[in-house]
C-alpha atoms as a PDB file:
ATOM      1  CA  MET A   1      83.501 145.726  90.783  1.00  0.00           C
ATOM      2  CA  TYR A   2      82.217 149.665  89.697  1.00  0.00           C
ATOM      3  CA  TYR A   3      81.005 152.224  91.231  1.00  0.00           C
ATOM      4  CA  CYS A   4      78.171 154.300  89.045  1.00  0.00           C
ATOM      5  CA  CYS A   5      76.580 157.305  89.898  1.00  0.00           C
ATOM      6  CA  GLY A   6      73.615 159.412  88.015  1.00  0.00           C
ATOM      7  CA  VAL A   7      72.103 162.760  87.971  1.00  0.00           C
ATOM      8  CA  THR A   8      69.252 164.332  85.849  1.00  0.00           C
ATOM      9  CA  GLU A   9      67.727 167.598  86.407  1.00  0.00           C
ATOM     10  CA  LYS A  10      64.823 169.376  84.134  1.00  0.00           C
ATOM     11  CA  GLY A  11      67.209 172.634  84.512  1.00  0.00           C
ATOM     12  CA  VAL A  12      64.733 175.180  83.021  1.00  0.00           C
ATOM     13  CA  MET A  13      62.546 173.461  81.426  1.00  0.00           C
ATOM     14  CA  THR A  14      58.628 172.670  83.289  1.00  0.00           C
ATOM     15  CA  HIS A  15      59.659 168.971  82.433  1.00  0.00           C
ATOM     16  CA  ASN A  16      62.326 166.024  81.789  1.00  0.00           C
ATOM     17  CA  GLU A  17      62.597 164.921  78.556  1.00  0.00           C
ATOM     18  CA  ASP A  18      66.216 163.282  79.845  1.00  0.00           C
ATOM     19  CA  ALA A  19      66.500 159.783  81.689  1.00  0.00           C
ATOM     20  CA  LEU A  20      69.570 157.486  82.554  1.00  0.00           C
ATOM     21  CA  LEU A  21      69.733 154.338  83.245  1.00  0.00           C
ATOM     22  CA  ILE A  22      72.547 152.352  85.794  1.00  0.00           C
ATOM     23  CA  ASN A  23      71.763 148.247  85.421  1.00  0.00           C
ATOM     24  CA  ASP A  24      67.857 147.655  86.408  1.00  0.00           C
ATOM     25  CA  SER A  25      67.096 151.676  87.698  1.00  0.00           C
ATOM     26  CA  VAL A  26      65.525 153.752  84.895  1.00  0.00           C
ATOM     27  CA  ILE A  27      64.579 157.050  86.343  1.00  0.00           C
ATOM     28  CA  ASP A  28      64.026 160.596  84.882  1.00  0.00           C
ATOM     29  CA  ALA A  29      64.101 162.969  88.264  1.00  0.00           C
ATOM     30  CA  GLY A  30      66.779 162.836  91.109  1.00  0.00           C
ATOM     31  CA  SER A  31      70.133 160.491  91.191  1.00  0.00           C
ATOM     32  CA  SER A  32      70.666 156.900  91.840  1.00  0.00           C
ATOM     33  CA  GLU A  33      73.936 155.371  92.900  1.00  0.00           C
ATOM     34  CA  GLN A  34      74.667 151.488  92.902  1.00  0.00           C
ATOM     35  CA  MET A  35      77.690 149.274  93.463  1.00  0.00           C
ATOM     36  CA  LEU A  36      77.532 147.065  90.454  1.00  0.00           C
ATOM     37  CA  SER A  37      79.487 143.422  89.204  1.00  0.00           C
ATOM     38  CA  GLU A  38      79.188 143.071  85.192  1.00  0.00           C
ATOM     39  CA  PRO A  39      77.526 142.459  83.682  1.00  0.00           C
ATOM     40  CA  PHE A  40      75.192 145.600  83.232  1.00  0.00           C
ATOM     41  CA  ILE A  41      74.425 148.474  81.380  1.00  0.00           C
ATOM     42  CA  ALA A  42      74.301 152.268  81.889  1.00  0.00           C
ATOM     43  CA  ALA A  43      73.298 154.763  79.599  1.00  0.00           C
ATOM     44  CA  VAL A  44      71.620 158.427  78.970  1.00  0.00           C
ATOM     45  CA  SER A  45      69.034 159.324  76.379  1.00  0.00           C
ATOM     46  CA  ASP A  46      67.506 162.352  75.537  1.00  0.00           C
ATOM     47  CA  GLY A  47      63.882 162.691  73.763  1.00  0.00           C
ATOM     48  CA  VAL A  48      64.048 165.051  70.950  1.00  0.00           C
ATOM     49  CA  SER A  49      60.254 166.007  70.090  1.00  0.00           C
ATOM     50  CA  GLY A  50      59.302 168.041  72.327  1.00  0.00           C
ATOM     51  CA  GLU A  51      56.109 167.775  74.670  1.00  0.00           C
ATOM     52  CA  ARG A  52      55.127 164.913  76.228  1.00  0.00           C
ATOM     53  CA  SER A  53      56.194 162.842  73.343  1.00  0.00           C
ATOM     54  CA  GLY A  54      59.910 163.654  74.462  1.00  0.00           C
ATOM     55  CA  GLU A  55      59.649 162.388  77.994  1.00  0.00           C
ATOM     56  CA  LEU A  56      58.305 158.802  77.104  1.00  0.00           C
ATOM     57  CA  ALA A  57      60.788 158.283  74.074  1.00  0.00           C
ATOM     58  CA  SER A  58      63.390 158.937  76.696  1.00  0.00           C
ATOM     59  CA  LYS A  59      62.221 156.656  79.456  1.00  0.00           C
ATOM     60  CA  MET A  60      60.697 154.324  77.264  1.00  0.00           C
ATOM     61  CA  CYS A  61      63.881 153.670  75.063  1.00  0.00           C
ATOM     62  CA  LEU A  62      65.556 153.224  78.443  1.00  0.00           C
ATOM     63  CA  GLU A  63      63.229 150.560  79.723  1.00  0.00           C
ATOM     64  CA  LEU A  64      63.573 148.514  76.272  1.00  0.00           C
ATOM     65  CA  VAL A  65      67.296 148.951  77.170  1.00  0.00           C
ATOM     66  CA  ARG A  66      67.091 147.507  80.414  1.00  0.00           C
ATOM     67  CA  ASP A  67      65.283 144.233  79.085  1.00  0.00           C
ATOM     68  CA  ILE A  68      68.059 143.069  77.211  1.00  0.00           C
ATOM     69  CA  ARG A  69      70.073 140.230  78.473  1.00  0.00           C
ATOM     70  CA  TYR A  70      73.691 141.446  77.854  1.00  0.00           C
ATOM     71  CA  GLY A  71      76.948 139.194  77.655  1.00  0.00           C
ATOM     72  CA  SER A  72      79.136 138.077  75.604  1.00  0.00           C
ATOM     73  CA  GLU A  73      77.395 136.771  73.688  1.00  0.00           C
ATOM     74  CA  CYS A  74      74.431 139.278  73.028  1.00  0.00           C
ATOM     75  CA  LYS A  75      74.376 141.644  69.810  1.00  0.00           C
ATOM     76  CA  LEU A  76      73.817 144.577  71.119  1.00  0.00           C
ATOM     77  CA  ASP A  77      73.625 146.415  68.136  1.00  0.00           C
ATOM     78  CA  GLU A  78      70.933 144.245  66.970  1.00  0.00           C
ATOM     79  CA  GLU A  79      69.398 145.160  70.050  1.00  0.00           C
ATOM     80  CA  LEU A  80      69.700 148.131  70.195  1.00  0.00           C
ATOM     81  CA  LEU A  81      68.429 148.584  66.348  1.00  0.00           C
ATOM     82  CA  ALA A  82      65.258 146.457  67.351  1.00  0.00           C
ATOM     83  CA  ILE A  83      64.734 148.669  70.216  1.00  0.00           C
ATOM     84  CA  HIS A  84      64.459 151.804  67.217  1.00  0.00           C
ATOM     85  CA  TYR A  85      61.317 149.934  65.508  1.00  0.00           C
ATOM     86  CA  LYS A  86      59.574 149.484  68.911  1.00  0.00           C
ATOM     87  CA  LEU A  87      59.618 152.890  69.711  1.00  0.00           C
ATOM     88  CA  ALA A  88      59.135 153.922  65.530  1.00  0.00           C
ATOM     89  CA  GLU A  89      55.731 151.256  65.686  1.00  0.00           C
ATOM     90  CA  TYR A  90      54.874 152.652  68.973  1.00  0.00           C
ATOM     91  CA  SER A  91      54.943 156.492  67.495  1.00  0.00           C
ATOM     92  CA  GLU A  92      52.849 155.452  64.863  1.00  0.00           C
ATOM     93  CA  SER A  93      49.910 153.968  66.688  1.00  0.00           C
ATOM     94  CA  ASP A  94      49.154 157.161  68.453  1.00  0.00           C
ATOM     95  CA  PRO A  95      48.758 160.466  66.836  1.00  0.00           C
ATOM     96  CA  GLU A  96      50.008 162.380  69.950  1.00  0.00           C
ATOM     97  CA  MET A  97      53.251 160.286  69.857  1.00  0.00           C
ATOM     98  CA  HIS A  98      53.724 160.772  66.157  1.00  0.00           C
ATOM     99  CA  ASN A  99      57.556 160.755  65.470  1.00  0.00           C
ATOM    100  CA  MET A 100      58.751 160.758  69.232  1.00  0.00           C
ATOM    101  CA  GLN A 101      62.147 160.417  68.762  1.00  0.00           C
ATOM    102  CA  ALA A 102      65.169 159.691  71.637  1.00  0.00           C
ATOM    103  CA  THR A 103      69.009 160.189  71.554  1.00  0.00           C
ATOM    104  CA  LEU A 104      71.294 157.431  73.441  1.00  0.00           C
ATOM    105  CA  CYS A 105      74.626 156.990  74.672  1.00  0.00           C
ATOM    106  CA  GLY A 106      76.437 154.402  77.088  1.00  0.00           C
ATOM    107  CA  ILE A 107      78.253 151.902  77.616  1.00  0.00           C
ATOM    108  CA  ALA A 108      77.537 147.580  78.423  1.00  0.00           C
ATOM    109  CA  ILE A 109      80.434 145.390  80.347  1.00  0.00           C
ATOM    110  CA  ASP A 110      80.201 141.829  79.756  1.00  0.00           C
ATOM    111  CA  GLU A 111      81.050 139.251  82.617  1.00  0.00           C
ATOM    112  CA  LYS A 112      84.502 138.926  80.942  1.00  0.00           C
ATOM    113  CA  ASN A 113      84.917 143.275  81.661  1.00  0.00           C
ATOM    114  CA  ASN A 114      84.801 143.854  78.144  1.00  0.00           C
ATOM    115  CA  ILE A 115      83.003 147.494  77.657  1.00  0.00           C
ATOM    116  CA  LEU A 116      81.426 147.704  74.469  1.00  0.00           C
ATOM    117  CA  THR A 117      80.117 151.429  73.661  1.00  0.00           C
ATOM    118  CA  PHE A 118      76.484 152.667  71.774  1.00  0.00           C
ATOM    119  CA  ASN A 119      75.628 155.857  70.558  1.00  0.00           C
ATOM    120  CA  VAL A 120      73.046 157.376  68.436  1.00  0.00           C
ATOM    121  CA  GLY A 121      72.747 161.087  68.056  1.00  0.00           C
ATOM    122  CA  ASP A 122      74.925 163.955  70.354  1.00  0.00           C
ATOM    123  CA  SER A 123      74.548 162.434  73.850  1.00  0.00           C
ATOM    124  CA  ARG A 124      78.077 162.023  74.253  1.00  0.00           C
ATOM    125  CA  LEU A 125      80.972 159.396  76.298  1.00  0.00           C
ATOM    126  CA  TYR A 126      84.068 160.892  77.964  1.00  0.00           C
ATOM    127  CA  ARG A 127      87.205 158.919  79.768  1.00  0.00           C
ATOM    128  CA  PHE A 128      88.433 160.895  82.596  1.00  0.00           C
ATOM    129  CA  ARG A 129      92.286 159.412  83.058  1.00  0.00           C
ATOM    130  CA  GLY A 130      95.395 161.146  84.753  1.00  0.00           C
ATOM    131  CA  GLY A 131      93.025 164.765  85.226  1.00  0.00           C
ATOM    132  CA  ARG A 132      92.213 164.808  81.343  1.00  0.00           C
ATOM    133  CA  ILE A 133      89.042 164.169  79.541  1.00  0.00           C
ATOM    134  CA  LYS A 134      88.859 162.918  75.780  1.00  0.00           C
ATOM    135  CA  GLN A 135      85.669 162.219  74.745  1.00  0.00           C
ATOM    136  CA  LEU A 136      85.519 158.718  72.789  1.00  0.00           C
ATOM    137  CA  SER A 137      82.012 158.962  71.465  1.00  0.00           C
ATOM    138  CA  ARG A 138      81.522 160.765  67.618  1.00  0.00           C
ATOM    139  CA  ASP A 139      78.430 163.066  67.595  1.00  0.00           C
ATOM    140  CA  GLN A 140      75.628 161.803  64.962  1.00  0.00           C
ATOM    141  CA  SER A 141      75.316 166.292  63.549  1.00  0.00           C
ATOM    142  CA  LEU A 142      75.471 167.813  60.711  1.00  0.00           C
ATOM    143  CA  VAL A 143      77.969 170.486  62.536  1.00  0.00           C
ATOM    144  CA  GLN A 144      80.477 167.137  63.473  1.00  0.00           C
ATOM    145  CA  LEU A 145      80.078 166.075  59.928  1.00  0.00           C
ATOM    146  CA  LEU A 146      81.178 169.549  59.104  1.00  0.00           C
ATOM    147  CA  ILE A 147      84.500 169.457  61.285  1.00  0.00           C
ATOM    148  CA  ASP A 148      85.177 165.993  60.203  1.00  0.00           C
ATOM    149  CA  GLU A 149      85.217 167.699  56.549  1.00  0.00           C
ATOM    150  CA  GLY A 150      87.456 170.838  57.833  1.00  0.00           C
ATOM    151  CA  THR A 151      84.613 173.543  56.900  1.00  0.00           C
ATOM    152  CA  ILE A 152      84.481 174.775  60.237  1.00  0.00           C
ATOM    153  CA  THR A 153      85.880 174.255  63.358  1.00  0.00           C
ATOM    154  CA  ARG A 154      85.311 173.277  66.891  1.00  0.00           C
ATOM    155  CA  GLU A 155      84.916 176.660  68.456  1.00  0.00           C
ATOM    156  CA  GLU A 156      82.798 177.066  65.256  1.00  0.00           C
ATOM    157  CA  ARG A 157      80.616 174.594  66.533  1.00  0.00           C
ATOM    158  CA  LYS A 158      79.247 176.367  69.313  1.00  0.00           C
ATOM    159  CA  SER A 159      77.718 179.200  67.171  1.00  0.00           C
ATOM    160  CA  HIS A 160      76.729 177.075  64.150  1.00  0.00           C
ATOM    161  CA  VAL A 161      73.320 178.117  62.585  1.00  0.00           C
ATOM    162  CA  HIS A 162      72.681 174.166  61.862  1.00  0.00           C
ATOM    163  CA  ARG A 163      74.317 172.915  65.414  1.00  0.00           C
ATOM    164  CA  ASN A 164      70.676 171.539  66.610  1.00  0.00           C
ATOM    165  CA  ILE A 165      69.919 168.983  64.037  1.00  0.00           C
ATOM    166  CA  ILE A 166      71.523 165.670  64.622  1.00  0.00           C
ATOM    167  CA  PHE A 167      70.700 162.410  61.790  1.00  0.00           C
ATOM    168  CA  PRO A 168      68.415 159.836  62.561  1.00  0.00           C
ATOM    169  CA  VAL A 169      67.689 158.955  66.108  1.00  0.00           C
ATOM    170  CA  PHE A 170      65.860 156.239  68.427  1.00  0.00           C
ATOM    171  CA  GLY A 171      62.177 156.584  67.041  1.00  0.00           C
ATOM    172  CA  ASN A 172      62.469 157.955  64.062  1.00  0.00           C
ATOM    173  CA  VAL A 173      59.919 157.076  61.462  1.00  0.00           C
ATOM    174  CA  LYS A 174      61.473 158.274  58.438  1.00  0.00           C
ATOM    175  CA  SER A 175      64.832 156.550  58.450  1.00  0.00           C
ATOM    176  CA  ALA A 176      66.893 154.446  60.725  1.00  0.00           C
ATOM    177  CA  PRO A 177      69.704 155.101  62.876  1.00  0.00           C
ATOM    178  CA  LYS A 178      72.886 153.928  62.397  1.00  0.00           C
ATOM    179  CA  VAL A 179      73.634 152.663  65.683  1.00  0.00           C
ATOM    180  CA  ASP A 180      77.657 153.544  66.631  1.00  0.00           C
ATOM    181  CA  THR A 181      79.137 150.545  68.883  1.00  0.00           C
ATOM    182  CA  VAL A 182      83.082 150.279  69.989  1.00  0.00           C
ATOM    183  CA  SER A 183      85.144 148.381  72.164  1.00  0.00           C
ATOM    184  CA  LEU A 184      86.993 150.072  74.588  1.00  0.00           C
ATOM    185  CA  ASP A 185      90.512 148.394  74.163  1.00  0.00           C
ATOM    186  CA  GLY A 186      92.140 147.752  77.679  1.00  0.00           C
ATOM    187  CA  GLY A 187      88.612 148.427  78.702  1.00  0.00           C
ATOM    188  CA  MET A 188      89.434 150.476  82.596  1.00  0.00           C
ATOM    189  CA  GLU A 189      92.294 151.134  84.352  1.00  0.00           C
ATOM    190  CA  TYR A 190      91.992 151.686  87.814  1.00  0.00           C
ATOM    191  CA  GLY A 191      91.686 155.460  88.905  1.00  0.00           C
ATOM    192  CA  ASP A 192      89.788 155.622  84.980  1.00  0.00           C
ATOM    193  CA  LEU A 193      85.889 157.352  84.801  1.00  0.00           C
ATOM    194  CA  LEU A 194      83.892 157.044  81.985  1.00  0.00           C
ATOM    195  CA  LEU A 195      81.354 160.058  81.669  1.00  0.00           C
ATOM    196  CA  LEU A 196      78.378 160.194  79.894  1.00  0.00           C
ATOM    197  CA  CYS A 197      76.318 163.341  79.840  1.00  0.00           C
ATOM    198  CA  THR A 198      73.568 165.023  77.440  1.00  0.00           C
ATOM    199  CA  ASP A 199      73.833 167.840  75.750  1.00  0.00           C
ATOM    200  CA  GLY A 200      72.205 170.214  78.114  1.00  0.00           C
ATOM    201  CA  LEU A 201      75.699 169.401  80.352  1.00  0.00           C
ATOM    202  CA  SER A 202      78.040 169.371  77.277  1.00  0.00           C
ATOM    203  CA  ASP A 203      76.931 172.048  75.260  1.00  0.00           C
ATOM    204  CA  TYR A 204      77.164 174.150  78.541  1.00  0.00           C
ATOM    205  CA  VAL A 205      80.477 172.939  79.936  1.00  0.00           C
ATOM    206  CA  SER A 206      83.618 173.289  78.963  1.00  0.00           C
ATOM    207  CA  VAL A 207      85.883 170.759  78.763  1.00  0.00           C
ATOM    208  CA  LEU A 208      88.512 172.974  81.049  1.00  0.00           C
ATOM    209  CA  ASP A 209      85.686 173.077  83.699  1.00  0.00           C
ATOM    210  CA  ILE A 210      84.729 169.459  83.412  1.00  0.00           C
ATOM    211  CA  GLU A 211      88.433 168.508  84.254  1.00  0.00           C
ATOM    212  CA  GLU A 212      88.519 170.949  87.195  1.00  0.00           C
ATOM    213  CA  ILE A 213      85.401 169.348  88.828  1.00  0.00           C
ATOM    214  CA  LEU A 214      85.888 165.768  88.466  1.00  0.00           C
ATOM    215  CA  GLU A 215      89.803 166.441  90.072  1.00  0.00           C
ATOM    216  CA  MET A 216      88.001 168.170  93.151  1.00  0.00           C
ATOM    217  CA  PRO A 217      88.515 165.901  96.645  1.00  0.00           C
ATOM    218  CA  LYS A 218      84.270 165.612  96.804  1.00  0.00           C
ATOM    219  CA  SER A 219      82.374 162.329  96.879  1.00  0.00           C
ATOM    220  CA  LEU A 220      81.570 161.514  93.146  1.00  0.00           C
ATOM    221  CA  LYS A 221      78.075 162.316  93.876  1.00  0.00           C
ATOM    222  CA  ASN A 222      78.352 166.158  94.967  1.00  0.00           C
ATOM    223  CA  ARG A 223      81.377 166.481  91.879  1.00  0.00           C
ATOM    224  CA  LEU A 224      78.106 165.243  89.460  1.00  0.00           C
ATOM    225  CA  HIS A 225      76.171 168.496  91.045  1.00  0.00           C
ATOM    226  CA  LEU A 226      78.497 170.651  90.695  1.00  0.00           C
ATOM    227  CA  LEU A 227      78.828 169.819  86.979  1.00  0.00           C
ATOM    228  CA  VAL A 228      74.714 170.264  86.361  1.00  0.00           C
ATOM    229  CA  ASN A 229      75.505 173.358  88.722  1.00  0.00           C
ATOM    230  CA  LYS A 230      77.906 174.780  86.250  1.00  0.00           C
ATOM    231  CA  ALA A 231      75.796 173.719  83.410  1.00  0.00           C
ATOM    232  CA  LEU A 232      72.504 176.180  84.821  1.00  0.00           C
ATOM    233  CA  GLU A 233      75.075 178.570  85.888  1.00  0.00           C
ATOM    234  CA  ASN A 234      76.412 178.981  82.217  1.00  0.00           C
ATOM    235  CA  GLY A 235      72.618 179.489  80.935  1.00  0.00           C
ATOM    236  CA  SER A 236      71.891 175.633  80.152  1.00  0.00           C
ATOM    237  CA  LYS A 237      68.457 176.003  78.536  1.00  0.00           C
ATOM    238  CA  ASP A 238      68.148 172.084  78.203  1.00  0.00           C
ATOM    239  CA  ASN A 239      67.860 169.428  81.019  1.00  0.00           C
ATOM    240  CA  ILE A 240      70.884 168.007  82.042  1.00  0.00           C
ATOM    241  CA  THR A 241      71.864 164.436  82.892  1.00  0.00           C
ATOM    242  CA  VAL A 242      75.311 162.870  83.670  1.00  0.00           C
ATOM    243  CA  ILE A 243      76.357 159.226  84.092  1.00  0.00           C
ATOM    244  CA  ALA A 244      79.548 158.393  86.201  1.00  0.00           C
ATOM    245  CA  ILE A 245      81.441 155.238  86.251  1.00  0.00           C
ATOM    246  CA  VAL A 246      84.562 154.337  88.418  1.00  0.00           C
ATOM    247  CA  TYR A 247      85.949 151.056  88.689  1.00  0.00           C
ATOM    248  CA  GLN A 248      86.759 149.885  91.714  1.00  0.00           C
ATOM    249  CA  GLU A 249      89.482 146.473  91.959  1.00  0.00           C
END
């Protein structure tokens, strides 16, 4: 069994361009908690176009992901790429929604408890194990490319002039995204926690603060709210969304 808890918050923004998916529930406000047996999918999405189209892009993306009947025989990368083309087609059919786009980061657990991670954009997946956080996803962004090349350091990323430039994501009408799918070797151990979040959290809360909050003897829902509040205290100017998944034997 898996306990999943998610929170999404508009923060200082007037509307929420983030959304989250836990199994069959897509929300863009408030929180969701579920005890789940495999198979299921959990994911976060961040609309990147602004105005109404950003809100629609993230929610529509996750609603389409929700419709995937996931299992060990499912070719998830193909299913996800098909969602990109549906979003792009929809955005070109309505001038008000032109080029609406969304990031996507999540996990898919099949009936055999195998875990497949997937990512497009700069939302993130972390694993919390033994009191330490490790980033499992790789940002699809210009600054990450510069870090990989050794041109800038991870610390310089925070203030880099091009820190907001990401590679093509879902719905981009000019270029199809590259869907990164990676098997999580060994699955989850008892006590592991997987954390999905949008950049409204990861850009404003340090790894040390995330570790400290997740170690607190509080309910998981309360700890997620503390993470959101920490991002707001640190000046987050974005929507904030986070999901935690815990394996329970």
